[in-house]
Amino acid sequence: MSTTLATPLATTLTTPLATLTADLDAAARDAAPGRARVDAVGHALAPHLGDPRLLRPDQCVGDPAHYRQHVLHVADDGAFSLVALVWLPGQTTPIHDHLSWCVVGVHTGEEHETRYRVEGDRLVAAGEDVAGPGTVTGLLPPGDIHRVTNTAPTTTISLHVYGVDVTRRGSSIRRRYDLPVLG
């Protein structure tokens, strides 16, 4: 009787974050620039939202002074960045726009977004949405002026994919708007 030794199959252990970044990388590189890329990245991000294994506990910690940014991944060539923003109740951004395309997915909690347009020397409210867990939205400059607020009574975590290396720029924000707001 002979014995055959089985060769173990090579397995690669992956973490949910590694799988997400690989999915985002393929989407960002395979899609045409513009709305097609934003849509592709949104479709890649959506299935990962809400996975409790995605973030380490330290990546879920907020800051009492202002929303907190945790850089999760930057593509080697700076083609995109993945960031977790942690919002304690009531925290908000300034009214701003972005340097590049952006896809936002609500991981936990709820975000309230107010969109604006410039009219002369004023901002005019142009719409608003409340996004809950699993919601994905995409922004494509120009015309992406907005403010985001955590109006929920609990911590909110959102995942942001920016078409820029946030470690080199410090932020994805292009400009802050301090104009008077109408309506």
N, C-alpha and C. Protein backbone atom coordinates (compact mmCIF):
# COMPACT_ATOMS: atom_id res chain seq x y z
N MET A 1 0.85 -1.16 0.00
CA MET A 1 0.00 0.00 0.00
C MET A 1 0.89 1.22 0.00
N SER A 2 0.63 2.14 -0.91
CA SER A 2 1.43 3.36 -0.96
C SER A 2 0.62 4.52 -0.41
N THR A 3 1.31 5.45 0.11
CA THR A 3 0.67 6.64 0.67
C THR A 3 1.03 7.82 -0.21
N THR A 4 0.04 8.58 -0.57
CA THR A 4 0.27 9.79 -1.35
C THR A 4 0.18 10.98 -0.41
N LEU A 5 1.21 11.78 -0.43
CA LEU A 5 1.20 12.97 0.42
C LEU A 5 0.52 14.10 -0.34
N ALA A 6 -0.44 14.66 0.25
CA ALA A 6 -1.15 15.78 -0.38
C ALA A 6 -0.33 17.05 -0.20
N THR A 7 -0.20 17.78 -1.26
CA THR A 7 0.48 19.07 -1.18
C THR A 7 -0.56 20.10 -0.79
N PRO A 8 -0.33 20.80 0.29
CA PRO A 8 -1.35 21.78 0.70
C PRO A 8 -1.49 22.87 -0.37
N LEU A 9 -2.71 23.27 -0.59
CA LEU A 9 -2.97 24.37 -1.52
C LEU A 9 -2.42 25.66 -0.95
N ALA A 10 -1.82 26.42 -1.82
CA ALA A 10 -1.34 27.74 -1.38
C ALA A 10 -2.55 28.62 -1.12
N THR A 11 -2.59 29.18 0.04
CA THR A 11 -3.70 30.08 0.37
C THR A 11 -3.15 31.43 0.75
N THR A 12 -3.88 32.43 0.42
CA THR A 12 -3.50 33.78 0.78
C THR A 12 -4.55 34.30 1.74
N LEU A 13 -4.11 34.67 2.90
CA LEU A 13 -5.03 35.25 3.86
C LEU A 13 -5.22 36.72 3.51
N THR A 14 -6.45 37.12 3.40
CA THR A 14 -6.73 38.51 3.12
C THR A 14 -7.62 39.07 4.21
N THR A 15 -7.45 40.33 4.45
CA THR A 15 -8.31 41.00 5.41
C THR A 15 -9.41 41.71 4.62
N PRO A 16 -10.51 42.03 5.25
CA PRO A 16 -11.55 42.79 4.55
C PRO A 16 -11.03 44.11 3.98
N LEU A 17 -10.12 44.78 4.69
CA LEU A 17 -9.59 46.05 4.18
C LEU A 17 -8.73 45.82 2.93
N ALA A 18 -7.93 44.75 2.92
CA ALA A 18 -7.12 44.44 1.73
C ALA A 18 -8.02 44.11 0.54
N THR A 19 -9.09 43.39 0.78
CA THR A 19 -10.03 43.08 -0.30
C THR A 19 -10.68 44.35 -0.81
N LEU A 20 -11.10 45.22 0.09
CA LEU A 20 -11.71 46.49 -0.32
C LEU A 20 -10.73 47.32 -1.15
N THR A 21 -9.50 47.46 -0.69
CA THR A 21 -8.56 48.31 -1.44
C THR A 21 -8.24 47.70 -2.81
N ALA A 22 -8.20 46.39 -2.92
CA ALA A 22 -8.00 45.76 -4.23
C ALA A 22 -9.19 46.04 -5.14
N ASP A 23 -10.40 45.95 -4.60
CA ASP A 23 -11.61 46.24 -5.40
C ASP A 23 -11.62 47.70 -5.85
N LEU A 24 -11.24 48.61 -4.94
CA LEU A 24 -11.22 50.03 -5.29
C LEU A 24 -10.16 50.31 -6.34
N ASP A 25 -9.00 49.67 -6.20
CA ASP A 25 -7.92 49.88 -7.16
C ASP A 25 -8.36 49.46 -8.56
N ALA A 26 -8.97 48.30 -8.67
CA ALA A 26 -9.44 47.84 -9.98
C ALA A 26 -10.48 48.79 -10.55
N ALA A 27 -11.42 49.24 -9.73
CA ALA A 27 -12.47 50.14 -10.20
C ALA A 27 -11.90 51.47 -10.65
N ALA A 28 -10.98 52.03 -9.86
CA ALA A 28 -10.42 53.34 -10.18
C ALA A 28 -9.58 53.29 -11.45
N ARG A 29 -8.92 52.18 -11.68
CA ARG A 29 -8.02 52.10 -12.85
C ARG A 29 -8.73 51.62 -14.12
N ASP A 30 -9.77 50.81 -13.97
CA ASP A 30 -10.42 50.23 -15.14
C ASP A 30 -11.51 51.13 -15.74
N ALA A 31 -12.03 52.05 -14.96
CA ALA A 31 -13.12 52.90 -15.44
C ALA A 31 -12.57 54.16 -16.11
N ALA A 32 -13.33 54.66 -17.05
CA ALA A 32 -12.97 55.92 -17.71
C ALA A 32 -13.07 57.06 -16.69
N PRO A 33 -12.31 58.13 -16.90
CA PRO A 33 -12.39 59.27 -15.98
C PRO A 33 -13.80 59.86 -15.96
N GLY A 34 -14.07 60.61 -14.90
CA GLY A 34 -15.35 61.30 -14.79
C GLY A 34 -16.39 60.46 -14.09
N ARG A 35 -17.65 60.63 -14.49
CA ARG A 35 -18.78 59.97 -13.83
C ARG A 35 -18.62 58.44 -13.85
N ALA A 36 -18.07 57.87 -14.93
CA ALA A 36 -17.90 56.42 -15.00
C ALA A 36 -16.99 55.92 -13.87
N ARG A 37 -15.93 56.66 -13.59
CA ARG A 37 -15.01 56.25 -12.50
C ARG A 37 -15.70 56.39 -11.15
N VAL A 38 -16.40 57.48 -10.93
CA VAL A 38 -17.12 57.68 -9.66
C VAL A 38 -18.12 56.54 -9.45
N ASP A 39 -18.87 56.20 -10.49
CA ASP A 39 -19.85 55.12 -10.38
C ASP A 39 -19.18 53.77 -10.11
N ALA A 40 -18.08 53.48 -10.81
CA ALA A 40 -17.38 52.21 -10.62
C ALA A 40 -16.83 52.09 -9.20
N VAL A 41 -16.23 53.17 -8.70
CA VAL A 41 -15.69 53.15 -7.34
C VAL A 41 -16.82 52.99 -6.32
N GLY A 42 -17.94 53.65 -6.56
CA GLY A 42 -19.11 53.50 -5.67
C GLY A 42 -19.60 52.06 -5.62
N HIS A 43 -19.67 51.41 -6.78
CA HIS A 43 -20.10 50.00 -6.83
C HIS A 43 -19.10 49.09 -6.12
N ALA A 44 -17.81 49.43 -6.19
CA ALA A 44 -16.79 48.63 -5.51
C ALA A 44 -16.85 48.83 -3.99
N LEU A 45 -17.16 50.03 -3.55
CA LEU A 45 -17.21 50.34 -2.12
C LEU A 45 -18.44 49.75 -1.43
N ALA A 46 -19.58 49.82 -2.07
CA ALA A 46 -20.86 49.49 -1.44
C ALA A 46 -20.91 48.14 -0.71
N PRO A 47 -20.43 47.05 -1.31
CA PRO A 47 -20.57 45.75 -0.62
C PRO A 47 -19.77 45.63 0.68
N HIS A 48 -18.82 46.51 0.89
CA HIS A 48 -17.96 46.43 2.08
C HIS A 48 -18.50 47.24 3.26
N LEU A 49 -19.42 48.13 2.99
CA LEU A 49 -19.94 49.00 4.05
C LEU A 49 -20.68 48.19 5.10
N GLY A 50 -20.43 48.52 6.35
CA GLY A 50 -21.09 47.84 7.47
C GLY A 50 -20.38 46.60 7.96
N ASP A 51 -19.34 46.14 7.26
CA ASP A 51 -18.60 44.96 7.70
C ASP A 51 -17.85 45.31 8.98
N PRO A 52 -18.20 44.70 10.10
CA PRO A 52 -17.56 45.06 11.37
C PRO A 52 -16.08 44.70 11.44
N ARG A 53 -15.58 43.89 10.50
CA ARG A 53 -14.17 43.50 10.49
C ARG A 53 -13.31 44.47 9.69
N LEU A 54 -13.94 45.43 9.02
CA LEU A 54 -13.22 46.30 8.10
C LEU A 54 -12.22 47.23 8.80
N LEU A 55 -12.63 47.80 9.91
CA LEU A 55 -11.79 48.78 10.62
C LEU A 55 -11.32 48.23 11.96
N ARG A 56 -10.08 48.57 12.32
CA ARG A 56 -9.57 48.25 13.65
C ARG A 56 -10.26 49.18 14.66
N PRO A 57 -10.30 48.81 15.92
CA PRO A 57 -10.92 49.68 16.92
C PRO A 57 -10.34 51.10 16.95
N ASP A 58 -9.02 51.24 16.77
CA ASP A 58 -8.42 52.57 16.81
C ASP A 58 -8.82 53.42 15.61
N GLN A 59 -9.30 52.81 14.54
CA GLN A 59 -9.75 53.55 13.36
C GLN A 59 -11.20 54.00 13.49
N CYS A 60 -11.82 53.68 14.61
CA CYS A 60 -13.21 54.06 14.87
C CYS A 60 -13.32 55.13 15.95
N VAL A 61 -12.18 55.66 16.36
CA VAL A 61 -12.14 56.63 17.46
C VAL A 61 -12.28 58.04 16.91
N GLY A 62 -13.19 58.79 17.50
CA GLY A 62 -13.39 60.18 17.12
C GLY A 62 -12.55 61.13 17.96
N ASP A 63 -12.76 62.42 17.74
CA ASP A 63 -12.07 63.48 18.46
C ASP A 63 -13.15 64.46 18.93
N PRO A 64 -13.21 64.78 20.21
CA PRO A 64 -14.26 65.68 20.70
C PRO A 64 -14.24 67.07 20.05
N ALA A 65 -13.10 67.49 19.52
CA ALA A 65 -12.99 68.84 18.97
C ALA A 65 -13.53 68.96 17.54
N HIS A 66 -13.39 67.91 16.73
CA HIS A 66 -13.83 67.96 15.33
C HIS A 66 -13.81 66.55 14.75
N TYR A 67 -14.48 66.39 13.61
CA TYR A 67 -14.45 65.05 13.00
C TYR A 67 -13.01 64.64 12.76
N ARG A 68 -12.77 63.33 12.77
CA ARG A 68 -11.40 62.82 12.71
C ARG A 68 -11.19 61.99 11.45
N GLN A 69 -10.05 62.19 10.81
CA GLN A 69 -9.68 61.47 9.60
C GLN A 69 -8.66 60.38 9.92
N HIS A 70 -8.97 59.15 9.48
CA HIS A 70 -8.03 58.04 9.59
C HIS A 70 -7.71 57.60 8.16
N VAL A 71 -6.47 57.79 7.72
CA VAL A 71 -6.08 57.34 6.38
C VAL A 71 -5.90 55.83 6.44
N LEU A 72 -6.67 55.11 5.63
CA LEU A 72 -6.64 53.66 5.61
C LEU A 72 -5.72 53.10 4.53
N HIS A 73 -5.66 53.80 3.39
CA HIS A 73 -4.87 53.30 2.27
C HIS A 73 -4.66 54.42 1.26
N VAL A 74 -3.46 54.46 0.69
CA VAL A 74 -3.17 55.33 -0.45
C VAL A 74 -2.50 54.45 -1.50
N ALA A 75 -3.00 54.50 -2.72
CA ALA A 75 -2.39 53.73 -3.81
C ALA A 75 -0.92 54.15 -3.94
N ASP A 76 -0.08 53.19 -4.30
CA ASP A 76 1.36 53.45 -4.40
C ASP A 76 1.69 54.65 -5.28
N ASP A 77 0.91 54.85 -6.33
CA ASP A 77 1.16 55.96 -7.24
C ASP A 77 0.30 57.19 -6.93
N GLY A 78 -0.42 57.16 -5.81
CA GLY A 78 -1.24 58.30 -5.41
C GLY A 78 -2.53 58.45 -6.19
N ALA A 79 -2.93 57.42 -6.93
CA ALA A 79 -4.14 57.52 -7.77
C ALA A 79 -5.41 57.71 -6.96
N PHE A 80 -5.44 57.18 -5.75
CA PHE A 80 -6.61 57.37 -4.88
C PHE A 80 -6.21 57.12 -3.43
N SER A 81 -7.04 57.64 -2.54
CA SER A 81 -6.87 57.43 -1.10
C SER A 81 -8.19 56.93 -0.52
N LEU A 82 -8.10 56.09 0.48
CA LEU A 82 -9.26 55.62 1.22
C LEU A 82 -9.11 56.13 2.65
N VAL A 83 -10.13 56.84 3.12
CA VAL A 83 -10.09 57.48 4.42
C VAL A 83 -11.37 57.14 5.19
N ALA A 84 -11.24 56.88 6.47
CA ALA A 84 -12.41 56.76 7.35
C ALA A 84 -12.54 58.08 8.10
N LEU A 85 -13.72 58.68 8.02
CA LEU A 85 -14.00 59.87 8.82
C LEU A 85 -14.93 59.46 9.95
N VAL A 86 -14.54 59.83 11.17
CA VAL A 86 -15.32 59.50 12.36
C VAL A 86 -15.91 60.80 12.88
N TRP A 87 -17.24 60.79 12.99
CA TRP A 87 -18.00 61.99 13.38
C TRP A 87 -18.72 61.71 14.69
N LEU A 88 -18.45 62.50 15.70
CA LEU A 88 -19.24 62.43 16.92
C LEU A 88 -20.52 63.23 16.69
N PRO A 89 -21.56 63.02 17.49
CA PRO A 89 -22.82 63.74 17.28
C PRO A 89 -22.61 65.25 17.20
N GLY A 90 -23.23 65.86 16.18
CA GLY A 90 -23.19 67.31 16.01
C GLY A 90 -21.98 67.84 15.25
N GLN A 91 -20.99 67.02 14.98
CA GLN A 91 -19.81 67.52 14.27
C GLN A 91 -20.13 67.77 12.80
N THR A 92 -19.47 68.79 12.25
CA THR A 92 -19.76 69.22 10.89
C THR A 92 -18.49 69.67 10.18
N THR A 93 -18.55 69.69 8.87
CA THR A 93 -17.45 70.24 8.08
C THR A 93 -17.75 71.70 7.80
N PRO A 94 -16.74 72.45 7.39
CA PRO A 94 -17.04 73.76 6.82
C PRO A 94 -17.69 73.53 5.45
N ILE A 95 -18.29 74.55 4.89
CA ILE A 95 -18.78 74.45 3.52
C ILE A 95 -17.54 74.44 2.63
N HIS A 96 -17.47 73.44 1.75
CA HIS A 96 -16.23 73.23 0.98
C HIS A 96 -16.51 72.51 -0.34
N ASP A 97 -15.49 72.45 -1.18
CA ASP A 97 -15.50 71.60 -2.36
C ASP A 97 -14.22 70.77 -2.37
N HIS A 98 -14.03 69.95 -3.40
CA HIS A 98 -12.92 68.99 -3.40
C HIS A 98 -11.94 69.19 -4.55
N LEU A 99 -10.74 68.67 -4.33
CA LEU A 99 -9.68 68.71 -5.34
C LEU A 99 -9.95 67.75 -6.49
N SER A 100 -10.68 66.68 -6.23
CA SER A 100 -10.87 65.62 -7.21
C SER A 100 -12.21 64.94 -6.97
N TRP A 101 -12.46 63.92 -7.79
CA TRP A 101 -13.65 63.11 -7.57
C TRP A 101 -13.60 62.50 -6.17
N CYS A 102 -14.78 62.17 -5.66
CA CYS A 102 -14.89 61.62 -4.31
C CYS A 102 -16.09 60.69 -4.26
N VAL A 103 -15.94 59.57 -3.61
CA VAL A 103 -17.04 58.65 -3.36
C VAL A 103 -17.13 58.47 -1.85
N VAL A 104 -18.33 58.61 -1.31
CA VAL A 104 -18.56 58.50 0.13
C VAL A 104 -19.56 57.39 0.40
N GLY A 105 -19.21 56.53 1.33
CA GLY A 105 -20.13 55.48 1.77
C GLY A 105 -20.28 55.54 3.27
N VAL A 106 -21.52 55.51 3.74
CA VAL A 106 -21.77 55.54 5.19
C VAL A 106 -21.60 54.11 5.72
N HIS A 107 -20.62 53.95 6.59
CA HIS A 107 -20.30 52.66 7.18
C HIS A 107 -21.22 52.38 8.37
N THR A 108 -21.34 53.35 9.26
CA THR A 108 -22.26 53.27 10.40
C THR A 108 -22.79 54.67 10.67
N GLY A 109 -23.98 54.75 11.21
CA GLY A 109 -24.54 56.05 11.60
C GLY A 109 -25.27 56.74 10.46
N GLU A 110 -25.20 58.07 10.47
CA GLU A 110 -26.00 58.87 9.54
C GLU A 110 -25.32 60.20 9.28
N GLU A 111 -25.29 60.61 8.01
CA GLU A 111 -24.75 61.91 7.63
C GLU A 111 -25.82 62.76 6.97
N HIS A 112 -25.81 64.02 7.29
CA HIS A 112 -26.71 65.00 6.67
C HIS A 112 -25.86 65.90 5.79
N GLU A 113 -26.14 65.90 4.49
CA GLU A 113 -25.39 66.72 3.54
C GLU A 113 -26.27 67.83 3.02
N THR A 114 -25.74 69.05 3.02
CA THR A 114 -26.40 70.20 2.38
C THR A 114 -25.51 70.64 1.23
N ARG A 115 -26.10 70.73 0.04
CA ARG A 115 -25.37 71.16 -1.15
C ARG A 115 -25.66 72.63 -1.43
N TYR A 116 -24.67 73.32 -2.02
CA TYR A 116 -24.78 74.75 -2.30
C TYR A 116 -24.32 75.06 -3.71
N ARG A 117 -24.75 76.23 -4.19
CA ARG A 117 -24.21 76.79 -5.43
C ARG A 117 -23.90 78.26 -5.15
N VAL A 118 -22.94 78.78 -5.89
CA VAL A 118 -22.54 80.18 -5.75
C VAL A 118 -23.41 81.02 -6.67
N GLU A 119 -23.98 82.07 -6.11
CA GLU A 119 -24.72 83.06 -6.89
C GLU A 119 -24.19 84.43 -6.49
N GLY A 120 -23.37 84.99 -7.37
CA GLY A 120 -22.75 86.28 -7.06
C GLY A 120 -21.79 86.14 -5.90
N ASP A 121 -22.07 86.90 -4.83
CA ASP A 121 -21.20 86.85 -3.65
C ASP A 121 -21.87 86.10 -2.50
N ARG A 122 -22.77 85.18 -2.83
CA ARG A 122 -23.49 84.40 -1.81
C ARG A 122 -23.56 82.93 -2.19
N LEU A 123 -23.84 82.12 -1.20
CA LEU A 123 -24.14 80.71 -1.43
C LEU A 123 -25.65 80.53 -1.29
N VAL A 124 -26.19 79.67 -2.12
CA VAL A 124 -27.61 79.34 -2.06
C VAL A 124 -27.72 77.84 -1.82
N ALA A 125 -28.52 77.46 -0.82
CA ALA A 125 -28.75 76.04 -0.57
C ALA A 125 -29.43 75.44 -1.80
N ALA A 126 -28.87 74.32 -2.28
CA ALA A 126 -29.35 73.72 -3.53
C ALA A 126 -29.92 72.32 -3.32
N GLY A 127 -29.98 71.86 -2.08
CA GLY A 127 -30.54 70.54 -1.80
C GLY A 127 -29.89 69.93 -0.59
N GLU A 128 -30.54 68.90 -0.09
CA GLU A 128 -29.98 68.19 1.06
C GLU A 128 -30.46 66.75 1.07
N ASP A 129 -29.66 65.92 1.70
CA ASP A 129 -29.96 64.50 1.83
C ASP A 129 -29.47 64.01 3.18
N VAL A 130 -30.13 62.99 3.67
CA VAL A 130 -29.66 62.28 4.85
C VAL A 130 -29.32 60.87 4.39
N ALA A 131 -28.08 60.46 4.65
CA ALA A 131 -27.59 59.16 4.21
C ALA A 131 -27.36 58.26 5.41
N GLY A 132 -27.93 57.08 5.37
CA GLY A 132 -27.75 56.10 6.43
C GLY A 132 -26.79 55.00 6.02
N PRO A 133 -26.63 53.99 6.86
CA PRO A 133 -25.68 52.92 6.61
C PRO A 133 -25.90 52.29 5.23
N GLY A 134 -24.80 52.12 4.51
CA GLY A 134 -24.85 51.50 3.19
C GLY A 134 -25.07 52.46 2.04
N THR A 135 -25.40 53.71 2.35
CA THR A 135 -25.63 54.70 1.30
C THR A 135 -24.30 55.11 0.69
N VAL A 136 -24.26 55.19 -0.64
CA VAL A 136 -23.06 55.62 -1.37
C VAL A 136 -23.44 56.80 -2.25
N THR A 137 -22.61 57.84 -2.19
CA THR A 137 -22.80 59.00 -3.07
C THR A 137 -21.46 59.37 -3.70
N GLY A 138 -21.54 60.01 -4.84
CA GLY A 138 -20.34 60.41 -5.54
C GLY A 138 -20.36 61.89 -5.86
N LEU A 139 -19.20 62.51 -5.75
CA LEU A 139 -19.04 63.93 -6.05
C LEU A 139 -18.03 64.09 -7.17
N LEU A 140 -18.32 65.01 -8.05
CA LEU A 140 -17.43 65.24 -9.19
C LEU A 140 -17.30 66.74 -9.41
N PRO A 141 -16.14 67.31 -9.06
CA PRO A 141 -15.95 68.74 -9.27
C PRO A 141 -15.99 69.08 -10.76
N PRO A 142 -16.32 70.30 -11.11
CA PRO A 142 -16.76 71.38 -10.21
C PRO A 142 -18.23 71.21 -9.85
N GLY A 143 -18.70 72.02 -8.95
CA GLY A 143 -20.10 71.97 -8.55
C GLY A 143 -20.37 71.04 -7.40
N ASP A 144 -19.37 70.74 -6.60
CA ASP A 144 -19.53 69.82 -5.47
C ASP A 144 -19.44 70.54 -4.13
N ILE A 145 -19.96 71.74 -4.06
CA ILE A 145 -19.90 72.53 -2.83
C ILE A 145 -20.93 71.96 -1.85
N HIS A 146 -20.46 71.64 -0.65
CA HIS A 146 -21.38 71.04 0.33
C HIS A 146 -20.84 71.15 1.75
N ARG A 147 -21.71 70.80 2.68
CA ARG A 147 -21.34 70.67 4.10
C ARG A 147 -21.95 69.38 4.60
N VAL A 148 -21.21 68.65 5.45
CA VAL A 148 -21.69 67.39 6.00
C VAL A 148 -21.72 67.51 7.51
N THR A 149 -22.81 67.01 8.10
CA THR A 149 -23.00 67.07 9.55
C THR A 149 -23.49 65.73 10.06
N ASN A 150 -23.01 65.31 11.22
CA ASN A 150 -23.56 64.14 11.88
C ASN A 150 -24.73 64.61 12.73
N THR A 151 -25.94 64.40 12.25
CA THR A 151 -27.13 64.79 13.00
C THR A 151 -27.68 63.64 13.85
N ALA A 152 -27.02 62.50 13.80
CA ALA A 152 -27.45 61.33 14.58
C ALA A 152 -27.00 61.49 16.03
N PRO A 153 -27.66 60.80 16.95
CA PRO A 153 -27.26 60.86 18.36
C PRO A 153 -26.08 59.94 18.69
N THR A 154 -25.55 59.26 17.69
CA THR A 154 -24.44 58.32 17.89
C THR A 154 -23.28 58.67 16.95
N THR A 155 -22.17 58.02 17.14
CA THR A 155 -21.01 58.21 16.26
C THR A 155 -21.34 57.71 14.86
N THR A 156 -20.89 58.45 13.87
CA THR A 156 -21.03 58.06 12.47
C THR A 156 -19.64 57.85 11.90
N ILE A 157 -19.50 56.79 11.10
CA ILE A 157 -18.25 56.55 10.39
C ILE A 157 -18.58 56.44 8.91
N SER A 158 -17.88 57.23 8.11
CA SER A 158 -18.05 57.15 6.66
C SER A 158 -16.71 56.89 6.01
N LEU A 159 -16.75 56.16 4.91
CA LEU A 159 -15.54 55.85 4.15
C LEU A 159 -15.54 56.72 2.91
N HIS A 160 -14.42 57.39 2.68
CA HIS A 160 -14.27 58.32 1.57
C HIS A 160 -13.14 57.86 0.67
N VAL A 161 -13.41 57.79 -0.60
CA VAL A 161 -12.39 57.46 -1.59
C VAL A 161 -12.19 58.72 -2.43
N TYR A 162 -10.97 59.24 -2.40
CA TYR A 162 -10.63 60.47 -3.11
C TYR A 162 -9.65 60.15 -4.24
N GLY A 163 -9.79 60.82 -5.36
CA GLY A 163 -8.87 60.64 -6.47
C GLY A 163 -7.62 61.47 -6.32
N VAL A 164 -7.08 61.49 -5.11
CA VAL A 164 -5.89 62.28 -4.80
C VAL A 164 -5.18 61.61 -3.61
N ASP A 165 -3.90 61.84 -3.49
CA ASP A 165 -3.13 61.33 -2.36
C ASP A 165 -3.29 62.30 -1.19
N VAL A 166 -4.14 61.95 -0.23
CA VAL A 166 -4.39 62.86 0.90
C VAL A 166 -3.20 62.98 1.84
N THR A 167 -2.26 62.05 1.79
CA THR A 167 -1.09 62.17 2.67
C THR A 167 -0.16 63.27 2.17
N ARG A 168 -0.16 63.53 0.88
CA ARG A 168 0.66 64.62 0.34
C ARG A 168 -0.03 65.96 0.49
N ARG A 169 -1.35 65.99 0.42
CA ARG A 169 -2.11 67.23 0.45
C ARG A 169 -2.62 67.56 1.86
N GLY A 170 -2.74 66.54 2.72
CA GLY A 170 -3.27 66.75 4.06
C GLY A 170 -4.78 66.67 4.11
N SER A 171 -5.43 66.88 2.98
CA SER A 171 -6.88 66.90 2.92
C SER A 171 -7.31 66.78 1.46
N SER A 172 -8.57 66.48 1.26
CA SER A 172 -9.13 66.47 -0.09
C SER A 172 -9.84 67.78 -0.40
N ILE A 173 -9.90 68.66 0.57
CA ILE A 173 -10.62 69.93 0.40
C ILE A 173 -9.81 70.87 -0.48
N ARG A 174 -10.48 71.39 -1.50
CA ARG A 174 -9.83 72.38 -2.38
C ARG A 174 -10.01 73.77 -1.80
N ARG A 175 -11.25 74.11 -1.43
CA ARG A 175 -11.54 75.46 -0.97
C ARG A 175 -12.66 75.42 0.06
N ARG A 176 -12.56 76.30 1.03
CA ARG A 176 -13.63 76.53 2.02
C ARG A 176 -14.36 77.80 1.62
N TYR A 177 -15.66 77.79 1.82
CA TYR A 177 -16.50 78.93 1.42
C TYR A 177 -17.01 79.63 2.67
N ASP A 178 -16.67 80.90 2.82
CA ASP A 178 -17.13 81.70 3.95
C ASP A 178 -18.12 82.75 3.51
N LEU A 179 -18.79 82.53 2.39
CA LEU A 179 -19.78 83.49 1.88
C LEU A 179 -21.08 83.40 2.67
N PRO A 180 -21.87 84.47 2.69
CA PRO A 180 -23.20 84.39 3.34
C PRO A 180 -24.05 83.34 2.61
N VAL A 181 -24.91 82.67 3.36
CA VAL A 181 -25.76 81.62 2.80
C VAL A 181 -27.21 82.12 2.77
N LEU A 182 -27.86 81.95 1.62
CA LEU A 182 -29.28 82.22 1.47
C LEU A 182 -30.04 80.91 1.44
N GLY A 183 -31.20 80.88 2.10
CA GLY A 183 -32.12 79.76 2.01
C GLY A 183 -31.60 78.48 2.45
